[in-house]
């Protein structure tokens, strides 16, 4: 995934978002006009906006190579991207393709130096400092004058990146709860990577069910964990359809597609039968044991992050 952007499905339009992690996190110590109020104890996912098309969770330790390829999608490695990966524990994100450039936010949890990060941003002429007024004072954030993307470090344990950061800062300081239910959030965090698509009929299930597919997929929850084979992930999840008839029909198609993918990875027919489970439960398909390469994981992540009309 490093090298020719167009070859791997990237375009100049997508570059600002895909290179955001790498380009924005330079080293620093910013000149601070006012001391922001202390952030109350909140879950990092509370920063995510409600009513989005897709939500995701990534354990950095278990997805370092995947995230490195994502952060360095333009072929460049920066001190900022390395610092981010070395100091982050987990990443929560939300995407909405219908909101265009306003539909993307990441909340990264870890151990950061607020001064170092802010200095790098503050000494880069592409960024301008601004703030949001709160009851207890002002909270700083930074906006890229070229792309409109924003970044904030409200505490040494949290970095926000994307759009609508000012609004999300206000909600965080108000102590709101995450937009995802506790059960859904707990399920995502129990795996190396998790995706929740409340509008899967719109976003699709790349590459198996494209966006806008006539298959009435309603909702999807997907999990990925390192496989027993190097370079492979093991996927599981639940897909909700309009009715049982559609779920049964889609199960046949997906079993065939999943089996073909595993065969490409060198699995024998006997191994596929033993590992891959695809079952219909009422209106849902429940599956597990799907092995797929890291390259496909990266492609799926890019597909969600850099969707139609988003940059």
C-alpha atoms as a PDB file:
ATOM      1  CA  UNK A   1       0.000   0.000   0.000  1.00  0.00           C
ATOM      2  CA  UNK A   2       3.016   2.296  -0.082  1.00  0.00           C
ATOM      3  CA  UNK A   3       3.875   3.916  -3.346  1.00  0.00           C
ATOM      4  CA  UNK A   4       1.519   4.674  -6.184  1.00  0.00           C
ATOM      5  CA  UNK A   5      -1.614   6.134  -4.655  1.00  0.00           C
ATOM      6  CA  UNK A   6      -3.726   5.750  -7.752  1.00  0.00           C
ATOM      7  CA  UNK A   7      -2.779   2.095  -8.089  1.00  0.00           C
ATOM      8  CA  UNK A   8      -4.152   1.411  -4.638  1.00  0.00           C
ATOM      9  CA  UNK A   9      -7.377   3.357  -5.056  1.00  0.00           C
ATOM     10  CA  UNK A  10      -6.176   6.724  -3.812  1.00  0.00           C
ATOM     11  CA  UNK A  11      -6.599  10.046  -5.488  1.00  0.00           C
ATOM     12  CA  UNK A  12      -5.412  13.534  -4.805  1.00  0.00           C
ATOM     13  CA  UNK A  13      -8.919  14.242  -3.506  1.00  0.00           C
ATOM     14  CA  UNK A  14      -8.525  11.579  -0.816  1.00  0.00           C
ATOM     15  CA  UNK A  15      -5.006  12.574   0.263  1.00  0.00           C
ATOM     16  CA  UNK A  16      -5.870  15.163   2.981  1.00  0.00           C
ATOM     17  CA  UNK A  17      -7.838  12.637   5.031  1.00  0.00           C
ATOM     18  CA  UNK A  18      -5.582   9.663   4.470  1.00  0.00           C
ATOM     19  CA  UNK A  19      -2.424  11.604   5.278  1.00  0.00           C
ATOM     20  CA  UNK A  20      -4.011  13.456   8.184  1.00  0.00           C
ATOM     21  CA  UNK A  21      -2.516  11.377  10.969  1.00  0.00           C
ATOM     22  CA  UNK A  22       0.957  11.687   9.496  1.00  0.00           C
ATOM     23  CA  UNK A  23       0.902  15.346   8.502  1.00  0.00           C
ATOM     24  CA  UNK A  24      -0.732  16.903  11.548  1.00  0.00           C
ATOM     25  CA  UNK A  25       1.196  15.314  14.413  1.00  0.00           C
ATOM     26  CA  UNK A  26       4.560  17.111  14.297  1.00  0.00           C
ATOM     27  CA  UNK A  27       6.638  17.661  17.412  1.00  0.00           C
ATOM     28  CA  UNK A  28       6.191  20.761  19.452  1.00  0.00           C
ATOM     29  CA  UNK A  29       5.376  22.921  22.383  1.00  0.00           C
ATOM     30  CA  UNK A  30       2.791  25.552  21.667  1.00  0.00           C
ATOM     31  CA  UNK A  31       2.530  29.073  22.954  1.00  0.00           C
ATOM     32  CA  UNK A  32      -0.609  28.899  25.066  1.00  0.00           C
ATOM     33  CA  UNK A  33      -2.659  32.018  25.589  1.00  0.00           C
ATOM     34  CA  UNK A  34      -4.938  30.596  28.273  1.00  0.00           C
ATOM     35  CA  UNK A  35      -4.987  27.438  30.331  1.00  0.00           C
ATOM     36  CA  UNK A  36      -7.937  25.277  29.263  1.00  0.00           C
ATOM     37  CA  UNK A  37     -10.190  23.764  31.926  1.00  0.00           C
ATOM     38  CA  UNK A  38      -9.511  20.199  33.049  1.00  0.00           C
ATOM     39  CA  UNK A  39     -11.354  17.596  31.004  1.00  0.00           C
ATOM     40  CA  UNK A  40     -13.809  15.583  33.135  1.00  0.00           C
ATOM     41  CA  UNK A  41     -13.459  11.769  33.132  1.00  0.00           C
ATOM     42  CA  UNK A  42     -15.073  10.615  29.875  1.00  0.00           C
ATOM     43  CA  UNK A  43     -14.751   7.648  27.570  1.00  0.00           C
ATOM     44  CA  UNK A  44     -12.810   8.569  24.386  1.00  0.00           C
ATOM     45  CA  UNK A  45     -15.726   7.345  22.255  1.00  0.00           C
ATOM     46  CA  UNK A  46     -17.891  10.067  23.812  1.00  0.00           C
ATOM     47  CA  UNK A  47     -16.193  12.446  21.378  1.00  0.00           C
ATOM     48  CA  UNK A  48     -17.766  10.683  18.395  1.00  0.00           C
ATOM     49  CA  UNK A  49     -20.810  12.343  16.817  1.00  0.00           C
ATOM     50  CA  UNK A  50     -24.164  10.584  16.854  1.00  0.00           C
ATOM     51  CA  UNK A  51     -26.053   9.502  13.742  1.00  0.00           C
ATOM     52  CA  UNK A  52     -23.033   8.490  11.648  1.00  0.00           C
ATOM     53  CA  UNK A  53     -22.835   5.809   8.948  1.00  0.00           C
ATOM     54  CA  UNK A  54     -19.979   3.798  10.480  1.00  0.00           C
ATOM     55  CA  UNK A  55     -18.119   3.566  13.780  1.00  0.00           C
ATOM     56  CA  UNK A  56     -14.890   1.704  14.412  1.00  0.00           C
ATOM     57  CA  UNK A  57     -12.413   0.727  17.114  1.00  0.00           C
ATOM     58  CA  UNK A  58      -8.769  -0.260  16.607  1.00  0.00           C
ATOM     59  CA  UNK A  59      -6.251  -1.540  19.124  1.00  0.00           C
ATOM     60  CA  UNK A  60      -3.003   0.129  18.083  1.00  0.00           C
ATOM     61  CA  UNK A  61      -0.738  -2.620  19.460  1.00  0.00           C
ATOM     62  CA  UNK A  62      -2.569  -5.279  17.437  1.00  0.00           C
ATOM     63  CA  UNK A  63      -2.838  -3.215  14.245  1.00  0.00           C
ATOM     64  CA  UNK A  64       0.474  -1.350  14.135  1.00  0.00           C
ATOM     65  CA  UNK A  65       1.431  -2.377  10.595  1.00  0.00           C
ATOM     66  CA  UNK A  66      -2.060  -1.706   9.274  1.00  0.00           C
ATOM     67  CA  UNK A  67      -2.120   1.745  10.870  1.00  0.00           C
ATOM     68  CA  UNK A  68       1.414   2.511   9.720  1.00  0.00           C
ATOM     69  CA  UNK A  69       0.365   1.815   6.137  1.00  0.00           C
ATOM     70  CA  UNK A  70      -2.715   3.994   6.607  1.00  0.00           C
ATOM     71  CA  UNK A  71      -0.794   6.914   8.132  1.00  0.00           C
ATOM     72  CA  UNK A  72       1.885   6.699   5.445  1.00  0.00           C
ATOM     73  CA  UNK A  73      -0.526   6.322   2.549  1.00  0.00           C
ATOM     74  CA  UNK A  74       1.240   9.073   0.599  1.00  0.00           C
ATOM     75  CA  UNK A  75       4.530   7.174   0.785  1.00  0.00           C
ATOM     76  CA  UNK A  76       6.088   9.362   3.465  1.00  0.00           C
ATOM     77  CA  UNK A  77       7.053   8.564   7.042  1.00  0.00           C
ATOM     78  CA  UNK A  78       7.062  11.485   9.485  1.00  0.00           C
ATOM     79  CA  UNK A  79       8.143  12.015  13.062  1.00  0.00           C
ATOM     80  CA  UNK A  80       4.505  12.839  13.779  1.00  0.00           C
ATOM     81  CA  UNK A  81       3.123   9.543  12.507  1.00  0.00           C
ATOM     82  CA  UNK A  82       5.739   7.559  14.408  1.00  0.00           C
ATOM     83  CA  UNK A  83       5.049   9.524  17.600  1.00  0.00           C
ATOM     84  CA  UNK A  84       1.313   8.953  17.200  1.00  0.00           C
ATOM     85  CA  UNK A  85       1.645   5.188  16.778  1.00  0.00           C
ATOM     86  CA  UNK A  86       4.163   4.853  19.603  1.00  0.00           C
ATOM     87  CA  UNK A  87       2.021   6.769  22.108  1.00  0.00           C
ATOM     88  CA  UNK A  88      -1.515   5.652  21.189  1.00  0.00           C
ATOM     89  CA  UNK A  89      -3.303   2.671  22.720  1.00  0.00           C
ATOM     90  CA  UNK A  90      -6.614   2.723  20.917  1.00  0.00           C
ATOM     91  CA  UNK A  91      -8.422   4.614  18.184  1.00  0.00           C
ATOM     92  CA  UNK A  92     -12.152   5.289  17.946  1.00  0.00           C
ATOM     93  CA  UNK A  93     -13.627   6.730  14.780  1.00  0.00           C
ATOM     94  CA  UNK A  94     -16.853   7.745  13.062  1.00  0.00           C
ATOM     95  CA  UNK A  95     -17.579   8.332   9.378  1.00  0.00           C
ATOM     96  CA  UNK A  96     -20.589   9.641   7.485  1.00  0.00           C
ATOM     97  CA  UNK A  97     -20.399   9.649   3.701  1.00  0.00           C
ATOM     98  CA  UNK A  98     -23.532  11.779   3.421  1.00  0.00           C
ATOM     99  CA  UNK A  99     -21.869  14.639   5.301  1.00  0.00           C
ATOM    100  CA  UNK A 100     -18.916  14.949   2.926  1.00  0.00           C
ATOM    101  CA  UNK A 101     -15.917  16.616   4.511  1.00  0.00           C
ATOM    102  CA  UNK A 102     -17.918  17.191   7.707  1.00  0.00           C
ATOM    103  CA  UNK A 103     -18.358  13.489   8.321  1.00  0.00           C
ATOM    104  CA  UNK A 104     -15.095  12.252   9.789  1.00  0.00           C
ATOM    105  CA  UNK A 105     -13.738  12.206  13.334  1.00  0.00           C
ATOM    106  CA  UNK A 106     -11.089  10.199  15.186  1.00  0.00           C
ATOM    107  CA  UNK A 107     -10.586  10.071  18.955  1.00  0.00           C
ATOM    108  CA  UNK A 108      -7.251   8.503  19.893  1.00  0.00           C
ATOM    109  CA  UNK A 109      -6.522   7.411  23.452  1.00  0.00           C
ATOM    110  CA  UNK A 110      -2.958   7.146  24.733  1.00  0.00           C
ATOM    111  CA  UNK A 111      -0.210   9.000  26.535  1.00  0.00           C
ATOM    112  CA  UNK A 112       0.763  12.223  24.765  1.00  0.00           C
ATOM    113  CA  UNK A 113       2.725  15.375  25.432  1.00  0.00           C
ATOM    114  CA  UNK A 114       0.241  18.182  24.880  1.00  0.00           C
ATOM    115  CA  UNK A 115       3.085  20.685  24.610  1.00  0.00           C
ATOM    116  CA  UNK A 116       5.043  18.715  22.003  1.00  0.00           C
ATOM    117  CA  UNK A 117       2.065  18.111  19.754  1.00  0.00           C
ATOM    118  CA  UNK A 118       0.759  21.669  20.001  1.00  0.00           C
ATOM    119  CA  UNK A 119       4.177  23.154  19.309  1.00  0.00           C
ATOM    120  CA  UNK A 120       4.524  21.235  16.063  1.00  0.00           C
ATOM    121  CA  UNK A 121       1.086  22.336  14.948  1.00  0.00           C
ATOM    122  CA  UNK A 122       1.592  25.913  16.131  1.00  0.00           C
ATOM    123  CA  UNK A 123       4.871  26.314  14.218  1.00  0.00           C
ATOM    124  CA  UNK A 124       3.358  24.999  10.979  1.00  0.00           C
ATOM    125  CA  UNK A 125       1.945  27.870   8.962  1.00  0.00           C
ATOM    126  CA  UNK A 126      -0.806  25.644   7.530  1.00  0.00           C
ATOM    127  CA  UNK A 127      -2.582  25.595  10.900  1.00  0.00           C
ATOM    128  CA  UNK A 128      -4.396  28.354  12.764  1.00  0.00           C
ATOM    129  CA  UNK A 129      -5.198  28.286  16.461  1.00  0.00           C
ATOM    130  CA  UNK A 130      -8.741  28.909  17.594  1.00  0.00           C
ATOM    131  CA  UNK A 131     -10.829  28.011  20.639  1.00  0.00           C
ATOM    132  CA  UNK A 132     -14.263  27.111  21.865  1.00  0.00           C
ATOM    133  CA  UNK A 133     -15.741  29.026  24.822  1.00  0.00           C
ATOM    134  CA  UNK A 134     -16.789  26.852  27.758  1.00  0.00           C
ATOM    135  CA  UNK A 135     -18.292  27.599  31.145  1.00  0.00           C
ATOM    136  CA  UNK A 136     -14.913  27.077  32.830  1.00  0.00           C
ATOM    137  CA  UNK A 137     -12.751  28.806  30.211  1.00  0.00           C
ATOM    138  CA  UNK A 138     -11.579  28.188  26.664  1.00  0.00           C
ATOM    139  CA  UNK A 139     -10.455  24.961  25.008  1.00  0.00           C
ATOM    140  CA  UNK A 140      -7.939  25.272  22.164  1.00  0.00           C
ATOM    141  CA  UNK A 141      -8.077  23.479  18.862  1.00  0.00           C
ATOM    142  CA  UNK A 142      -6.379  23.964  15.503  1.00  0.00           C
ATOM    143  CA  UNK A 143      -7.740  24.168  11.958  1.00  0.00           C
ATOM    144  CA  UNK A 144      -5.812  23.448   8.774  1.00  0.00           C
ATOM    145  CA  UNK A 145      -6.322  26.455   6.498  1.00  0.00           C
ATOM    146  CA  UNK A 146      -6.027  24.346   3.345  1.00  0.00           C
ATOM    147  CA  UNK A 147      -8.078  21.250   4.161  1.00  0.00           C
ATOM    148  CA  UNK A 148     -10.370  22.502   6.934  1.00  0.00           C
ATOM    149  CA  UNK A 149      -9.431  19.531   9.097  1.00  0.00           C
ATOM    150  CA  UNK A 150      -9.149  20.147  12.830  1.00  0.00           C
ATOM    151  CA  UNK A 151      -7.152  18.766  15.736  1.00  0.00           C
ATOM    152  CA  UNK A 152      -7.363  19.175  19.510  1.00  0.00           C
ATOM    153  CA  UNK A 153      -5.508  17.725  22.493  1.00  0.00           C
ATOM    154  CA  UNK A 154      -7.899  18.312  25.407  1.00  0.00           C
ATOM    155  CA  UNK A 155      -5.827  16.123  27.735  1.00  0.00           C
ATOM    156  CA  UNK A 156      -2.571  14.121  27.733  1.00  0.00           C
ATOM    157  CA  UNK A 157      -4.726  11.009  27.195  1.00  0.00           C
ATOM    158  CA  UNK A 158      -6.797  12.151  24.215  1.00  0.00           C
ATOM    159  CA  UNK A 159      -6.360  13.550  20.711  1.00  0.00           C
ATOM    160  CA  UNK A 160      -9.264  14.522  18.453  1.00  0.00           C
ATOM    161  CA  UNK A 161      -8.819  14.788  14.690  1.00  0.00           C
ATOM    162  CA  UNK A 162     -11.258  15.429  11.881  1.00  0.00           C
ATOM    163  CA  UNK A 163     -14.171  17.833  11.484  1.00  0.00           C
ATOM    164  CA  UNK A 164     -16.584  19.344  13.979  1.00  0.00           C
ATOM    165  CA  UNK A 165     -13.940  19.255  16.717  1.00  0.00           C
ATOM    166  CA  UNK A 166     -15.216  22.422  18.422  1.00  0.00           C
ATOM    167  CA  UNK A 167     -18.688  20.934  18.875  1.00  0.00           C
ATOM    168  CA  UNK A 168     -17.286  17.637  20.124  1.00  0.00           C
ATOM    169  CA  UNK A 169     -15.034  19.445  22.616  1.00  0.00           C
ATOM    170  CA  UNK A 170     -18.078  21.180  24.074  1.00  0.00           C
ATOM    171  CA  UNK A 171     -19.873  17.839  24.452  1.00  0.00           C
ATOM    172  CA  UNK A 172     -16.822  16.197  26.033  1.00  0.00           C
ATOM    173  CA  UNK A 173     -16.488  18.929  28.646  1.00  0.00           C
ATOM    174  CA  UNK A 174     -20.214  18.497  29.347  1.00  0.00           C
ATOM    175  CA  UNK A 175     -19.528  14.855  30.229  1.00  0.00           C
ATOM    176  CA  UNK A 176     -21.734  13.180  27.608  1.00  0.00           C
ATOM    177  CA  UNK A 177     -21.876   9.418  27.066  1.00  0.00           C
ATOM    178  CA  UNK A 178     -20.660   7.691  23.877  1.00  0.00           C
ATOM    179  CA  UNK A 179     -23.225   7.544  21.035  1.00  0.00           C
ATOM    180  CA  UNK A 180     -22.836   3.750  20.954  1.00  0.00           C
ATOM    181  CA  UNK A 181     -24.556   1.634  23.567  1.00  0.00           C
ATOM    182  CA  UNK A 182     -22.442  -0.014  26.253  1.00  0.00           C
ATOM    183  CA  UNK A 183     -22.992  -3.485  24.782  1.00  0.00           C
ATOM    184  CA  UNK A 184     -21.962  -2.454  21.266  1.00  0.00           C
ATOM    185  CA  UNK A 185     -18.942  -0.521  22.498  1.00  0.00           C
ATOM    186  CA  UNK A 186     -17.899  -3.393  24.749  1.00  0.00           C
ATOM    187  CA  UNK A 187     -18.171  -5.843  21.844  1.00  0.00           C
ATOM    188  CA  UNK A 188     -15.957  -3.658  19.643  1.00  0.00           C
ATOM    189  CA  UNK A 189     -13.337  -3.255  22.374  1.00  0.00           C
ATOM    190  CA  UNK A 190     -13.189  -7.019  23.017  1.00  0.00           C
ATOM    191  CA  UNK A 191     -11.463  -7.520  19.646  1.00  0.00           C
ATOM    192  CA  UNK A 192      -8.351  -6.170  17.951  1.00  0.00           C
ATOM    193  CA  UNK A 193     -10.628  -4.254  15.580  1.00  0.00           C
ATOM    194  CA  UNK A 194     -14.356  -3.703  15.428  1.00  0.00           C
ATOM    195  CA  UNK A 195     -16.758  -1.956  13.070  1.00  0.00           C
ATOM    196  CA  UNK A 196     -20.389  -1.042  13.628  1.00  0.00           C
ATOM    197  CA  UNK A 197     -22.375   0.036  10.565  1.00  0.00           C
ATOM    198  CA  UNK A 198     -25.885   1.147  11.626  1.00  0.00           C
ATOM    199  CA  UNK A 199     -26.665   2.009   7.973  1.00  0.00           C
ATOM    200  CA  UNK A 200     -24.947  -0.865   6.247  1.00  0.00           C
ATOM    201  CA  UNK A 201     -27.381  -0.707   3.343  1.00  0.00           C
ATOM    202  CA  UNK A 202     -25.803   2.630   2.442  1.00  0.00           C
ATOM    203  CA  UNK A 203     -22.170   1.910   3.224  1.00  0.00           C
ATOM    204  CA  UNK A 204     -22.229  -1.703   2.028  1.00  0.00           C
ATOM    205  CA  UNK A 205     -19.869  -4.398   3.222  1.00  0.00           C
ATOM    206  CA  UNK A 206     -16.764  -3.941   1.075  1.00  0.00           C
ATOM    207  CA  UNK A 207     -15.705  -5.808  -0.942  1.00  0.00           C
ATOM    208  CA  UNK A 208     -18.508  -8.381  -0.677  1.00  0.00           C
ATOM    209  CA  UNK A 209     -21.621  -6.172  -0.672  1.00  0.00           C
ATOM    210  CA  UNK A 210     -21.103  -2.820  -2.427  1.00  0.00           C
ATOM    211  CA  UNK A 211     -22.741   0.397  -1.286  1.00  0.00           C
ATOM    212  CA  UNK A 212     -26.222   0.727  -2.738  1.00  0.00           C
ATOM    213  CA  UNK A 213     -26.545  -3.023  -3.346  1.00  0.00           C
ATOM    214  CA  UNK A 214     -30.097  -4.314  -3.921  1.00  0.00           C
ATOM    215  CA  UNK A 215     -29.441  -6.834  -1.129  1.00  0.00           C
ATOM    216  CA  UNK A 216     -31.367  -5.264   1.787  1.00  0.00           C
ATOM    217  CA  UNK A 217     -28.584  -5.262   4.353  1.00  0.00           C
ATOM    218  CA  UNK A 218     -29.702  -3.129   7.303  1.00  0.00           C
ATOM    219  CA  UNK A 219     -26.967  -3.221   9.924  1.00  0.00           C
ATOM    220  CA  UNK A 220     -23.583  -4.860  10.413  1.00  0.00           C
ATOM    221  CA  UNK A 221     -21.214  -5.503  13.311  1.00  0.00           C
ATOM    222  CA  UNK A 222     -17.794  -6.815  12.272  1.00  0.00           C
ATOM    223  CA  UNK A 223     -14.776  -7.946  14.269  1.00  0.00           C
ATOM    224  CA  UNK A 224     -11.204  -8.755  13.273  1.00  0.00           C
ATOM    225  CA  UNK A 225      -8.409 -10.377  15.236  1.00  0.00           C
ATOM    226  CA  UNK A 226      -4.935 -11.644  14.325  1.00  0.00           C
ATOM    227  CA  UNK A 227      -5.113 -15.082  12.736  1.00  0.00           C
ATOM    228  CA  UNK A 228      -2.940 -18.083  13.496  1.00  0.00           C
ATOM    229  CA  UNK A 229      -1.232 -17.538  10.135  1.00  0.00           C
ATOM    230  CA  UNK A 230       1.167 -14.643   9.651  1.00  0.00           C
ATOM    231  CA  UNK A 231      -0.271 -11.651   7.803  1.00  0.00           C
ATOM    232  CA  UNK A 232      -3.869 -12.844   8.132  1.00  0.00           C
ATOM    233  CA  UNK A 233      -6.832 -11.632  10.161  1.00  0.00           C
ATOM    234  CA  UNK A 234      -9.732 -13.750  11.433  1.00  0.00           C
ATOM    235  CA  UNK A 235     -13.089 -12.039  10.957  1.00  0.00           C
ATOM    236  CA  UNK A 236     -16.452 -12.619  12.618  1.00  0.00           C
ATOM    237  CA  UNK A 237     -19.658 -10.675  12.924  1.00  0.00           C
ATOM    238  CA  UNK A 238     -23.391 -10.308  12.553  1.00  0.00           C
ATOM    239  CA  UNK A 239     -25.275  -8.923   9.545  1.00  0.00           C
ATOM    240  CA  UNK A 240     -28.919  -7.856   9.908  1.00  0.00           C
ATOM    241  CA  UNK A 241     -31.224  -8.013   6.866  1.00  0.00           C
ATOM    242  CA  UNK A 242     -34.760  -6.875   6.073  1.00  0.00           C
ATOM    243  CA  UNK A 243     -36.173 -10.364   6.595  1.00  0.00           C
ATOM    244  CA  UNK A 244     -35.205 -14.009   6.963  1.00  0.00           C
ATOM    245  CA  UNK A 245     -35.621 -14.776   3.267  1.00  0.00           C
ATOM    246  CA  UNK A 246     -33.062 -12.164   2.302  1.00  0.00           C
ATOM    247  CA  UNK A 247     -30.707 -13.331   5.043  1.00  0.00           C
ATOM    248  CA  UNK A 248     -30.897 -16.906   3.746  1.00  0.00           C
ATOM    249  CA  UNK A 249     -30.177 -15.840   0.182  1.00  0.00           C
ATOM    250  CA  UNK A 250     -27.289 -13.598   1.213  1.00  0.00           C
ATOM    251  CA  UNK A 251     -25.813 -16.387   3.366  1.00  0.00           C
ATOM    252  CA  UNK A 252     -25.400 -18.616   0.306  1.00  0.00           C
ATOM    253  CA  UNK A 253     -23.639 -15.836  -1.606  1.00  0.00           C
ATOM    254  CA  UNK A 254     -21.391 -14.877   1.301  1.00  0.00           C
ATOM    255  CA  UNK A 255     -20.408 -18.462   2.097  1.00  0.00           C
ATOM    256  CA  UNK A 256     -19.278 -18.861  -1.511  1.00  0.00           C
ATOM    257  CA  UNK A 257     -17.383 -15.548  -1.465  1.00  0.00           C
ATOM    258  CA  UNK A 258     -15.771 -16.210   1.917  1.00  0.00           C
ATOM    259  CA  UNK A 259     -14.711 -19.717   0.872  1.00  0.00           C
ATOM    260  CA  UNK A 260     -13.130 -18.383  -2.312  1.00  0.00           C
ATOM    261  CA  UNK A 261     -11.195 -15.774  -0.368  1.00  0.00           C
ATOM    262  CA  UNK A 262      -9.817 -18.359   2.048  1.00  0.00           C
ATOM    263  CA  UNK A 263      -8.891 -20.672  -0.816  1.00  0.00           C
ATOM    264  CA  UNK A 264      -6.811 -17.829  -2.257  1.00  0.00           C
ATOM    265  CA  UNK A 265      -4.901 -17.715   1.036  1.00  0.00           C
ATOM    266  CA  UNK A 266      -3.931 -21.371   0.711  1.00  0.00           C
ATOM    267  CA  UNK A 267      -6.622 -22.994   2.844  1.00  0.00           C
ATOM    268  CA  UNK A 268      -7.755 -26.440   1.751  1.00  0.00           C
ATOM    269  CA  UNK A 269     -11.437 -27.279   1.338  1.00  0.00           C
ATOM    270  CA  UNK A 270     -11.297 -29.351   4.522  1.00  0.00           C
ATOM    271  CA  UNK A 271      -9.750 -26.442   6.468  1.00  0.00           C
ATOM    272  CA  UNK A 272     -12.391 -24.057   5.151  1.00  0.00           C
ATOM    273  CA  UNK A 273     -15.208 -26.383   6.171  1.00  0.00           C
ATOM    274  CA  UNK A 274     -13.730 -26.779   9.623  1.00  0.00           C
ATOM    275  CA  UNK A 275     -13.002 -23.076  10.213  1.00  0.00           C
ATOM    276  CA  UNK A 276     -15.650 -21.049   8.384  1.00  0.00           C
ATOM    277  CA  UNK A 277     -19.071 -20.835  10.035  1.00  0.00           C
ATOM    278  CA  UNK A 278     -21.988 -19.045   8.361  1.00  0.00           C
ATOM    279  CA  UNK A 279     -25.406 -19.417   9.991  1.00  0.00           C
ATOM    280  CA  UNK A 280     -28.793 -17.732   9.630  1.00  0.00           C
ATOM    281  CA  UNK A 281     -30.557 -16.654  12.818  1.00  0.00           C
ATOM    282  CA  UNK A 282     -33.953 -15.110  12.087  1.00  0.00           C
ATOM    283  CA  UNK A 283     -33.105 -11.974  10.047  1.00  0.00           C
ATOM    284  CA  UNK A 284     -29.363 -12.149  10.727  1.00  0.00           C
ATOM    285  CA  UNK A 285     -26.302 -13.890   9.345  1.00  0.00           C
ATOM    286  CA  UNK A 286     -23.768 -14.802  12.024  1.00  0.00           C
ATOM    287  CA  UNK A 287     -20.320 -15.756  10.756  1.00  0.00           C
ATOM    288  CA  UNK A 288     -16.883 -16.577  12.142  1.00  0.00           C
ATOM    289  CA  UNK A 289     -13.611 -18.159  11.111  1.00  0.00           C
ATOM    290  CA  UNK A 290     -13.136 -16.039   7.977  1.00  0.00           C
ATOM    291  CA  UNK A 291      -9.423 -15.516   7.300  1.00  0.00           C
ATOM    292  CA  UNK A 292      -8.375 -12.637   5.082  1.00  0.00           C
ATOM    293  CA  UNK A 293      -5.083 -10.828   4.364  1.00  0.00           C
ATOM    294  CA  UNK A 294      -3.933  -7.567   5.918  1.00  0.00           C
ATOM    295  CA  UNK A 295      -4.078  -6.005   2.460  1.00  0.00           C
ATOM    296  CA  UNK A 296      -7.844  -6.559   2.390  1.00  0.00           C
ATOM    297  CA  UNK A 297      -8.184  -5.145   5.906  1.00  0.00           C
ATOM    298  CA  UNK A 298      -6.405  -2.022   4.724  1.00  0.00           C
ATOM    299  CA  UNK A 299      -8.620  -1.792   1.651  1.00  0.00           C
ATOM    300  CA  UNK A 300     -11.780  -2.074   3.755  1.00  0.00           C
ATOM    301  CA  UNK A 301     -10.510   0.610   6.129  1.00  0.00           C
ATOM    302  CA  UNK A 302      -9.665   2.919   3.232  1.00  0.00           C
ATOM    303  CA  UNK A 303     -13.087   2.285   1.689  1.00  0.00           C
ATOM    304  CA  UNK A 304     -14.849   3.421   4.848  1.00  0.00           C
ATOM    305  CA  UNK A 305     -12.526   6.361   5.517  1.00  0.00           C
ATOM    306  CA  UNK A 306     -12.290   7.748   2.002  1.00  0.00           C
ATOM    307  CA  UNK A 307     -15.818   7.159   0.788  1.00  0.00           C
ATOM    308  CA  UNK A 308     -17.651   8.904  -1.982  1.00  0.00           C
ATOM    309  CA  UNK A 309     -17.323  12.657  -1.835  1.00  0.00           C
ATOM    310  CA  UNK A 310     -15.029  12.617   1.183  1.00  0.00           C
ATOM    311  CA  UNK A 311     -11.508  13.995   1.184  1.00  0.00           C
END
